[in-house]
Every structure is written in structure tokens, then in C-alpha cells.
C-alpha atoms as a PDB file:
ATOM      1  CA  MET A   1      97.842 103.793  84.701  1.00  0.00           C
ATOM      2  CA  LYS A   2      98.429 100.813  86.974  1.00  0.00           C
ATOM      3  CA  LYS A   3     100.528 101.252  90.091  1.00  0.00           C
ATOM      4  CA  ILE A   4     103.179  99.041  91.618  1.00  0.00           C
ATOM      5  CA  LEU A   5     101.874  98.635  95.165  1.00  0.00           C
ATOM      6  CA  ILE A   6     104.681  97.848  97.577  1.00  0.00           C
ATOM      7  CA  GLY A   7     103.828  96.565 101.045  1.00  0.00           C
ATOM      8  CA  THR A   8     100.122  96.035 100.339  1.00  0.00           C
ATOM      9  CA  GLN A   9      98.971  92.757 101.877  1.00  0.00           C
ATOM     10  CA  ASP A  10      95.221  92.956 101.307  1.00  0.00           C
ATOM     11  CA  PHE A  11      93.884  91.541  98.030  1.00  0.00           C
ATOM     12  CA  LYS A  12      90.797  93.782  98.012  1.00  0.00           C
ATOM     13  CA  THR A  13      92.936  96.912  98.372  1.00  0.00           C
ATOM     14  CA  PHE A  14      95.189  95.673  95.595  1.00  0.00           C
ATOM     15  CA  ILE A  15      92.265  95.202  93.189  1.00  0.00           C
ATOM     16  CA  ASN A  16      90.438  98.417  94.156  1.00  0.00           C
ATOM     17  CA  GLU A  17      93.572 100.554  93.713  1.00  0.00           C
ATOM     18  CA  LYS A  18      94.230  98.886  90.336  1.00  0.00           C
ATOM     19  CA  GLY A  19      97.734  97.704  91.127  1.00  0.00           C
ATOM     20  CA  TYR A  20      99.730  95.229  89.088  1.00  0.00           C
ATOM     21  CA  TYR A  21      98.818  91.689  90.127  1.00  0.00           C
ATOM     22  CA  ILE A  22      99.627  88.342  88.505  1.00  0.00           C
ATOM     23  CA  ASP A  23      96.404  86.374  88.764  1.00  0.00           C
ATOM     24  CA  LYS A  24      97.059  83.010  90.411  1.00  0.00           C
ATOM     25  CA  THR A  25      93.382  82.275  91.136  1.00  0.00           C
ATOM     26  CA  LYS A  26      93.092  79.235  88.873  1.00  0.00           C
ATOM     27  CA  THR A  27      96.356  77.721  90.129  1.00  0.00           C
ATOM     28  CA  ILE A  28      95.403  78.250  93.790  1.00  0.00           C
ATOM     29  CA  HIS A  29      91.935  76.813  93.133  1.00  0.00           C
ATOM     30  CA  ASN A  30      93.501  73.675  91.620  1.00  0.00           C
ATOM     31  CA  LEU A  31      95.721  73.292  94.698  1.00  0.00           C
ATOM     32  CA  LEU A  32      92.765  73.704  97.060  1.00  0.00           C
ATOM     33  CA  ILE A  33      90.544  71.105  95.364  1.00  0.00           C
ATOM     34  CA  SER A  34      93.296  68.470  94.988  1.00  0.00           C
ATOM     35  CA  ASN A  35      92.836  67.159  98.592  1.00  0.00           C
ATOM     36  CA  ARG A  36      96.590  67.084  99.178  1.00  0.00           C
ATOM     37  CA  TYR A  37      98.919  69.004 101.462  1.00  0.00           C
ATOM     38  CA  TYR A  38     101.380  71.462  99.965  1.00  0.00           C
ATOM     39  CA  PHE A  39     104.232  73.425 101.488  1.00  0.00           C
ATOM     40  CA  LEU A  40     104.440  76.748  99.681  1.00  0.00           C
ATOM     41  CA  SER A  41     107.898  78.103 100.290  1.00  0.00           C
ATOM     42  CA  ARG A  42     108.622  81.599  99.074  1.00  0.00           C
ATOM     43  CA  PRO A  43     111.355  84.107  99.818  1.00  0.00           C
ATOM     44  CA  ARG A  44     110.760  87.046 102.104  1.00  0.00           C
ATOM     45  CA  ARG A  45     108.540  89.820 100.660  1.00  0.00           C
ATOM     46  CA  PHE A  46     107.318  87.548  97.867  1.00  0.00           C
ATOM     47  CA  GLY A  47     103.535  87.720  98.306  1.00  0.00           C
ATOM     48  CA  LYS A  48     102.683  85.068 100.907  1.00  0.00           C
ATOM     49  CA  SER A  49     100.289  87.317 102.836  1.00  0.00           C
ATOM     50  CA  LEU A  50      98.726  88.645  99.643  1.00  0.00           C
ATOM     51  CA  THR A  51      98.129  85.080  98.400  1.00  0.00           C
ATOM     52  CA  LEU A  52      96.448  84.119 101.692  1.00  0.00           C
ATOM     53  CA  SER A  53      94.330  87.264 101.507  1.00  0.00           C
ATOM     54  CA  MET A  54      93.264  86.264  97.983  1.00  0.00           C
ATOM     55  CA  ILE A  55      92.257  82.801  99.265  1.00  0.00           C
ATOM     56  CA  LYS A  56      90.233  84.455 102.056  1.00  0.00           C
ATOM     57  CA  TYR A  57      88.235  86.548  99.577  1.00  0.00           C
ATOM     58  CA  LEU A  58      87.828  83.508  97.310  1.00  0.00           C
ATOM     59  CA  TYR A  59      86.195  81.565 100.163  1.00  0.00           C
ATOM     60  CA  MET A  60      84.123  84.591 101.215  1.00  0.00           C
ATOM     61  CA  GLY A  61      82.586  84.552  97.729  1.00  0.00           C
ATOM     62  CA  GLU A  62      83.471  88.121  96.719  1.00  0.00           C
ATOM     63  CA  LYS A  63      83.191  87.414  92.981  1.00  0.00           C
ATOM     64  CA  GLU A  64      83.512  91.063  91.950  1.00  0.00           C
ATOM     65  CA  LEU A  65      87.208  90.973  92.893  1.00  0.00           C
ATOM     66  CA  PHE A  66      87.934  88.180  90.444  1.00  0.00           C
END
């Protein structure tokens, strides 16, 4: 059974512990290759750190997480 992980900010931990995660990889990839600047505004406790952690692992090439 999947868990709801509250307060987890590391993408690798999220995937390894099999928590619920809405995959935004394709959307983030499209933003990164568009060569434009974006301001991503989100409310408090809405996944900003987790999204940046996902981008870090994307650039590190850890394909097994995706």
C-alpha cells in the first residue's frame, strides 16, 4: 500500500518508500528545454523543494527513479 509522505523533501526517498507522487517529469522537462524564464509560484508546503529535488536527480541521470 502506498503511503502519504508528509514533510519529505527528497525525491529519491519519496520513490524508494513508495509514497504517492504526481509525476511532473514531462512537464518540468518541457519547461527546462524551452529556453525561457519561469516564475513558479506555489503556496507554502506545496512541493517546491520536492520539485527541485526531482530536477536535481533528473540532471544527475538517475534513470531508475523515473
